[in-house]
């Protein structure tokens, strides 16, 4: 049998990356692992690196360690803080996937002569497009829309057509790896330990009482600091004499003000996107769009000019936030996407 190509596997110390390495080794690939030190959360890397090393030893592969904390800070963490300071809602995972996981990791694959890069993401690819995973409860395509098109032919996702429950069951039955099946999984942003506002307090003035305005610009109450709020939030501020629920409609960071209104004022029928990343060459087309993770894709029309997309929604959506990602799907195929600049 001919020896298969070398593949670099991103190792996190979790069950998904462990199974990814195992499956590729079983298929005959020459496998090496890479653990990336990204954020600097105290105690985090000691635990996860030890798990990644245990998995690498079991698979019988070399584990490289790359300290990318400065790059992560510049490309992901600082933009996360800046976006909140601008009164927008960030999506750090999409930035991390582009710059670190499928950017710096591809560069490292080149250094060690690995033709392919594999991760434990639940997603599929044919080298031209991404496709949603078989397990729709774990699908991560939304967060991978910003990955550069040029790297797709080099990506392998062994878990794309598998169910998470099957992965856990498989590991639980392997002597020496049983503990990986019962590890608590991280479901939130990896560098946020409690809430994002607790984290922001170390870098910006979050607790800063300000005015609540209605749509006409009248002061109707007060809030505890605009960075505590995202579009659509309905608690944590006062509105004098209000009988109906009020929701955050917009924010004015310069004046530390938030604008609130009734639910119907949150309805959005179109968005403008910037900094597009498209896998298709179409510039005027009908498709569907997800404006948040774990929401249904909405039918829409897209017109692209000068790296901006005007997206006309065929169904109104409540609570759309600038700074978030809008991702286009044709069925289960990811067509591309961009960042919401105007609502």
Protein backbone atom coordinates (compact mmCIF):
# COMPACT_ATOMS: atom_id res chain seq x y z
CA UNK A 1 0.00 0.00 0.00
CA UNK A 2 1.31 3.45 -0.92
CA UNK A 3 2.00 5.70 2.04
CA UNK A 4 -0.57 8.47 2.31
CA UNK A 5 0.28 12.17 2.55
CA UNK A 6 1.28 13.99 5.71
CA UNK A 7 -1.55 15.75 7.55
CA UNK A 8 -1.28 18.24 10.39
CA UNK A 9 -4.08 17.87 12.96
CA UNK A 10 -5.09 20.78 15.18
CA UNK A 11 -5.16 19.29 18.69
CA UNK A 12 -7.12 21.00 21.46
CA UNK A 13 -7.09 18.27 24.10
CA UNK A 14 -10.75 17.56 23.41
CA UNK A 15 -12.60 14.49 22.17
CA UNK A 16 -13.20 15.79 18.61
CA UNK A 17 -9.57 16.51 17.72
CA UNK A 18 -8.49 13.26 19.39
CA UNK A 19 -10.87 11.19 17.26
CA UNK A 20 -9.86 13.17 14.15
CA UNK A 21 -6.21 12.17 14.67
CA UNK A 22 -7.16 8.55 15.36
CA UNK A 23 -9.31 8.25 12.24
CA UNK A 24 -6.65 9.76 9.95
CA UNK A 25 -3.93 7.54 11.39
CA UNK A 26 -6.19 4.53 10.81
CA UNK A 27 -6.68 5.62 7.20
CA UNK A 28 -2.92 5.51 6.67
CA UNK A 29 -2.02 9.19 6.74
CA UNK A 30 1.28 10.33 8.21
CA UNK A 31 -0.10 12.35 11.12
CA UNK A 32 1.44 15.10 13.26
CA UNK A 33 -0.40 17.23 15.81
CA UNK A 34 -0.27 20.92 16.69
CA UNK A 35 -1.43 22.51 19.93
CA UNK A 36 -1.75 26.31 19.69
CA UNK A 37 -1.46 28.54 22.73
CA UNK A 38 -3.88 31.32 21.88
CA UNK A 39 -5.37 33.25 24.81
CA UNK A 40 -3.68 33.60 28.20
CA UNK A 41 -6.47 32.42 30.53
CA UNK A 42 -4.67 31.24 33.72
CA UNK A 43 -4.36 27.46 34.06
CA UNK A 44 -6.07 26.74 30.74
CA UNK A 45 -3.12 25.54 28.68
CA UNK A 46 -1.64 23.34 31.41
CA UNK A 47 -4.83 21.24 31.45
CA UNK A 48 -5.53 21.16 27.71
CA UNK A 49 -1.94 20.67 26.59
CA UNK A 50 -1.61 17.68 28.93
CA UNK A 51 -4.74 16.17 27.36
CA UNK A 52 -3.47 16.88 23.84
CA UNK A 53 -0.14 15.20 24.69
CA UNK A 54 -1.97 12.18 26.10
CA UNK A 55 -3.97 11.89 22.85
CA UNK A 56 -0.82 12.31 20.72
CA UNK A 57 1.00 9.61 22.69
CA UNK A 58 -1.94 7.25 22.23
CA UNK A 59 -2.10 7.88 18.48
CA UNK A 60 1.69 7.62 18.25
CA UNK A 61 2.34 10.99 16.67
CA UNK A 62 4.54 13.98 17.31
CA UNK A 63 2.84 16.96 18.99
CA UNK A 64 4.13 20.44 18.17
CA UNK A 65 3.30 23.43 20.39
CA UNK A 66 3.03 26.91 18.94
CA UNK A 67 2.75 30.02 21.11
CA UNK A 68 0.50 32.40 19.18
CA UNK A 69 -0.70 34.54 22.08
CA UNK A 70 0.52 37.81 20.55
CA UNK A 71 -1.05 37.05 17.17
CA UNK A 72 -4.29 36.00 18.89
CA UNK A 73 -4.31 39.22 20.90
CA UNK A 74 -3.78 41.37 17.78
CA UNK A 75 -6.12 39.53 15.41
CA UNK A 76 -8.90 38.28 17.71
CA UNK A 77 -8.88 39.56 21.29
CA UNK A 78 -8.26 43.27 20.69
CA UNK A 79 -10.87 43.42 17.87
CA UNK A 80 -13.30 41.71 20.31
CA UNK A 81 -12.81 44.55 22.82
CA UNK A 82 -12.84 47.26 20.13
CA UNK A 83 -16.09 45.96 18.61
CA UNK A 84 -17.91 46.11 21.94
CA UNK A 85 -16.48 49.60 22.52
CA UNK A 86 -17.98 50.62 19.16
CA UNK A 87 -21.41 49.47 20.34
CA UNK A 88 -21.43 46.41 18.08
CA UNK A 89 -21.60 42.66 18.74
CA UNK A 90 -18.39 40.79 17.83
CA UNK A 91 -17.85 37.29 16.44
CA UNK A 92 -14.33 36.34 17.62
CA UNK A 93 -14.59 32.67 16.54
CA UNK A 94 -14.90 33.59 12.84
CA UNK A 95 -11.82 35.85 13.10
CA UNK A 96 -9.87 33.15 14.92
CA UNK A 97 -10.75 30.53 12.31
CA UNK A 98 -9.47 32.73 9.49
CA UNK A 99 -6.31 34.10 11.10
CA UNK A 100 -5.22 31.33 13.47
CA UNK A 101 -6.82 27.93 12.91
CA UNK A 102 -6.82 28.09 9.11
CA UNK A 103 -4.17 30.80 8.74
CA UNK A 104 -1.23 30.31 11.10
CA UNK A 105 -1.90 26.56 11.21
CA UNK A 106 -1.68 26.32 7.39
CA UNK A 107 1.62 28.22 7.55
CA UNK A 108 2.90 25.71 10.09
CA UNK A 109 1.72 22.81 7.91
CA UNK A 110 3.90 24.28 5.13
CA UNK A 111 6.88 24.42 7.50
CA UNK A 112 6.70 20.72 8.33
CA UNK A 113 5.81 19.65 4.78
CA UNK A 114 2.22 18.64 5.52
CA UNK A 115 0.01 18.64 2.44
CA UNK A 116 -3.22 18.68 4.45
CA UNK A 117 -4.65 20.25 7.58
CA UNK A 118 -7.36 18.53 9.62
CA UNK A 119 -9.43 19.67 12.59
CA UNK A 120 -12.27 18.31 14.68
CA UNK A 121 -14.79 20.81 13.31
CA UNK A 122 -18.20 19.49 12.36
CA UNK A 123 -18.30 20.59 8.72
CA UNK A 124 -17.70 19.14 5.25
CA UNK A 125 -15.75 20.36 2.23
CA UNK A 126 -15.18 19.26 -1.36
CA UNK A 127 -12.20 21.59 -1.77
CA UNK A 128 -14.32 24.34 -3.36
CA UNK A 129 -17.10 24.90 -0.85
CA UNK A 130 -17.94 24.19 2.76
CA UNK A 131 -21.08 22.17 3.52
CA UNK A 132 -23.09 21.87 6.71
CA UNK A 133 -22.29 18.88 8.90
CA UNK A 134 -24.42 15.76 9.11
CA UNK A 135 -24.99 16.53 12.81
CA UNK A 136 -26.92 19.79 12.57
CA UNK A 137 -26.74 20.28 16.35
CA UNK A 138 -22.94 20.59 16.08
CA UNK A 139 -22.56 22.19 12.63
CA UNK A 140 -19.85 24.89 12.68
CA UNK A 141 -20.11 26.18 9.12
CA UNK A 142 -21.39 29.58 10.29
CA UNK A 143 -18.11 30.26 12.08
CA UNK A 144 -15.99 29.13 9.12
CA UNK A 145 -17.48 31.43 6.48
CA UNK A 146 -14.46 33.79 6.72
CA UNK A 147 -11.79 31.15 6.02
CA UNK A 148 -9.80 32.01 2.89
CA UNK A 149 -11.00 30.18 -0.21
CA UNK A 150 -7.44 29.26 -1.24
CA UNK A 151 -6.98 26.86 1.72
CA UNK A 152 -10.11 24.75 1.14
CA UNK A 153 -8.43 22.14 -1.12
CA UNK A 154 -6.04 21.31 1.77
CA UNK A 155 -8.65 20.77 4.49
CA UNK A 156 -9.92 17.45 5.86
CA UNK A 157 -12.83 17.16 8.31
CA UNK A 158 -13.31 13.52 9.33
CA UNK A 159 -16.23 14.39 11.65
CA UNK A 160 -18.35 16.17 9.03
CA UNK A 161 -20.47 13.14 8.28
CA UNK A 162 -20.57 11.75 11.83
CA UNK A 163 -22.76 12.37 14.87
CA UNK A 164 -21.27 13.77 18.06
CA UNK A 165 -22.98 11.04 20.10
CA UNK A 166 -21.19 8.39 17.99
CA UNK A 167 -17.83 10.11 18.52
CA UNK A 168 -18.27 10.06 22.31
CA UNK A 169 -19.40 6.44 22.20
CA UNK A 170 -16.35 5.47 20.14
CA UNK A 171 -13.89 7.10 22.55
CA UNK A 172 -15.64 5.69 25.61
CA UNK A 173 -14.98 2.21 24.25
CA UNK A 174 -11.22 2.75 23.68
CA UNK A 175 -9.11 1.67 26.63
CA UNK A 176 -6.85 4.55 27.66
CA UNK A 177 -9.05 7.27 26.18
CA UNK A 178 -12.27 6.74 28.14
CA UNK A 179 -11.89 10.01 30.08
CA UNK A 180 -12.05 12.05 26.84
CA UNK A 181 -15.69 10.99 26.39
CA UNK A 182 -16.77 12.56 29.68
CA UNK A 183 -14.82 15.83 29.55
CA UNK A 184 -16.90 18.97 29.94
CA UNK A 185 -17.04 20.75 26.61
CA UNK A 186 -16.51 24.43 26.08
CA UNK A 187 -19.58 25.86 24.36
CA UNK A 188 -18.98 29.57 24.83
CA UNK A 189 -16.11 31.77 23.63
CA UNK A 190 -12.95 29.99 24.82
CA UNK A 191 -11.34 33.00 26.52
CA UNK A 192 -14.50 34.18 28.35
CA UNK A 193 -14.65 32.53 31.77
CA UNK A 194 -17.88 34.03 33.18
CA UNK A 195 -19.52 36.82 31.15
CA UNK A 196 -18.09 39.03 28.43
CA UNK A 197 -18.71 42.14 30.56
CA UNK A 198 -16.61 40.71 33.41
CA UNK A 199 -13.79 40.29 30.91
CA UNK A 200 -14.21 43.74 29.37
CA UNK A 201 -13.97 45.44 32.79
CA UNK A 202 -10.22 44.80 32.83
CA UNK A 203 -9.76 46.79 29.61
CA UNK A 204 -12.52 49.40 29.26
CA UNK A 205 -14.95 51.35 31.45
CA UNK A 206 -18.01 49.10 31.31
CA UNK A 207 -19.97 50.32 34.36
CA UNK A 208 -20.81 53.85 33.34
CA UNK A 209 -24.41 54.97 34.02
CA UNK A 210 -26.00 56.67 31.01
CA UNK A 211 -29.26 57.79 29.44
CA UNK A 212 -31.97 55.66 27.86
CA UNK A 213 -33.67 57.39 24.92
CA UNK A 214 -36.84 56.64 23.00
CA UNK A 215 -36.98 56.73 19.21
CA UNK A 216 -37.77 60.47 19.26
CA UNK A 217 -34.63 61.25 21.26
CA UNK A 218 -36.38 61.87 24.61
CA UNK A 219 -34.63 60.72 27.79
CA UNK A 220 -36.90 58.05 29.31
CA UNK A 221 -34.63 56.26 31.80
CA UNK A 222 -31.10 55.17 32.63
CA UNK A 223 -28.81 52.20 32.02
CA UNK A 224 -25.67 50.84 33.65
CA UNK A 225 -23.25 51.34 30.72
CA UNK A 226 -23.87 50.75 27.00
CA UNK A 227 -21.45 47.81 26.76
CA UNK A 228 -23.79 45.76 28.96
CA UNK A 229 -26.31 45.67 26.10
CA UNK A 230 -26.76 44.07 22.72
CA UNK A 231 -29.48 44.72 20.16
CA UNK A 232 -32.77 43.16 21.26
CA UNK A 233 -31.94 42.99 24.98
CA UNK A 234 -34.99 43.81 27.12
CA UNK A 235 -33.64 43.93 30.68
CA UNK A 236 -31.12 45.83 32.79
CA UNK A 237 -32.36 49.39 32.07
CA UNK A 238 -35.24 51.59 33.25
CA UNK A 239 -38.01 53.18 31.18
CA UNK A 240 -40.24 55.61 33.09
CA UNK A 241 -43.95 54.79 32.95
CA UNK A 242 -43.52 51.85 30.57
CA UNK A 243 -46.25 49.20 30.60
CA UNK A 244 -45.00 47.14 27.64
CA UNK A 245 -41.59 45.49 27.30
CA UNK A 246 -38.91 47.69 25.73
CA UNK A 247 -35.95 46.41 23.74
CA UNK A 248 -32.55 47.89 22.87
CA UNK A 249 -32.75 49.22 19.29
CA UNK A 250 -29.36 50.91 18.98
CA UNK A 251 -26.46 52.40 20.91
CA UNK A 252 -24.53 55.65 20.82
CA UNK A 253 -21.09 54.84 22.32
CA UNK A 254 -19.81 58.43 22.09
CA UNK A 255 -22.61 59.66 24.37
CA UNK A 256 -23.01 56.41 26.34
CA UNK A 257 -26.69 56.26 25.37
CA UNK A 258 -28.98 53.42 24.34
CA UNK A 259 -32.17 53.79 22.30
CA UNK A 260 -35.10 51.54 23.19
CA UNK A 261 -38.49 50.79 21.68
CA UNK A 262 -41.26 48.22 21.20
CA UNK A 263 -40.60 44.82 19.67
CA UNK A 264 -41.98 45.72 16.23
CA UNK A 265 -39.29 48.42 15.96
CA UNK A 266 -36.67 45.66 16.06
CA UNK A 267 -37.89 44.17 12.79
CA UNK A 268 -35.20 44.21 10.09
CA UNK A 269 -35.87 43.75 6.37
CA UNK A 270 -32.44 44.41 4.88
CA UNK A 271 -28.77 44.59 5.85
CA UNK A 272 -25.57 45.87 4.27
CA UNK A 273 -22.47 43.69 4.62
CA UNK A 274 -18.80 44.62 4.31
CA UNK A 275 -15.51 42.67 4.17
CA UNK A 276 -17.08 39.86 2.18
CA UNK A 277 -15.61 36.38 1.83
CA UNK A 278 -17.29 34.58 -1.06
CA UNK A 279 -16.75 31.06 -2.37
CA UNK A 280 -19.06 31.70 -5.34
CA UNK A 281 -18.53 34.29 -8.12
CA UNK A 282 -22.21 35.29 -8.21
CA UNK A 283 -22.91 38.99 -7.62
CA UNK A 284 -26.71 39.23 -8.03
CA UNK A 285 -28.58 36.17 -6.76
CA UNK A 286 -31.28 34.63 -4.58
CA UNK A 287 -30.15 32.48 -1.66
CA UNK A 288 -30.72 32.10 2.10
CA UNK A 289 -28.88 33.84 4.92
CA UNK A 290 -28.21 33.19 8.61
CA UNK A 291 -27.84 36.41 10.58
CA UNK A 292 -26.94 34.64 13.84
CA UNK A 293 -25.64 31.23 14.81
CA UNK A 294 -28.35 28.67 15.58
CA UNK A 295 -31.08 30.51 13.69
CA UNK A 296 -32.87 29.35 10.57
CA UNK A 297 -31.65 30.54 7.18
CA UNK A 298 -33.93 33.24 5.75
CA UNK A 299 -34.66 33.54 1.98
CA UNK A 300 -33.08 36.69 0.59
CA UNK A 301 -31.76 38.51 -2.48
CA UNK A 302 -28.08 39.52 -2.56
CA UNK A 303 -26.49 42.21 -4.70
CA UNK A 304 -22.71 42.68 -4.46
CA UNK A 305 -20.87 45.85 -5.51
CA UNK A 306 -17.43 47.10 -4.41
CA UNK A 307 -16.97 44.33 -1.81
CA UNK A 308 -20.27 45.28 -0.16
CA UNK A 309 -23.45 43.25 -0.26
CA UNK A 310 -26.98 44.59 0.01
CA UNK A 311 -29.14 41.78 1.39
CA UNK A 312 -32.91 42.11 1.02
CA UNK A 313 -34.70 39.72 3.36
CA UNK A 314 -37.88 38.02 2.17
CA UNK A 315 -38.96 37.56 5.82
CA UNK A 316 -38.36 40.17 8.52
CA UNK A 317 -35.92 39.26 11.31
CA UNK A 318 -35.94 40.67 14.84
CA UNK A 319 -32.87 42.01 16.64
CA UNK A 320 -30.15 42.03 13.98
CA UNK A 321 -26.85 43.43 15.33
CA UNK A 322 -24.02 45.20 13.52
CA UNK A 323 -20.65 43.49 13.92
CA UNK A 324 -22.17 40.02 13.58
CA UNK A 325 -21.71 37.69 10.61
CA UNK A 326 -24.27 37.13 7.86
CA UNK A 327 -23.64 33.79 6.14
CA UNK A 328 -25.18 32.65 2.84
CA UNK A 329 -26.36 29.09 2.19
CA UNK A 330 -27.61 27.36 -0.93
CA UNK A 331 -29.23 24.33 0.70
CA UNK A 332 -26.44 22.88 2.86
CA UNK A 333 -23.67 24.54 0.82
CA UNK A 334 -21.99 27.61 2.27
CA UNK A 335 -21.80 30.27 -0.44
CA UNK A 336 -19.95 32.97 1.53
CA UNK A 337 -20.78 35.84 3.82
CA UNK A 338 -19.75 39.13 5.33
CA UNK A 339 -19.96 41.37 8.38
CA UNK A 340 -23.15 43.32 9.15
CA UNK A 341 -22.30 47.02 8.80
CA UNK A 342 -25.78 48.56 8.48
CA UNK A 343 -29.24 47.40 9.54
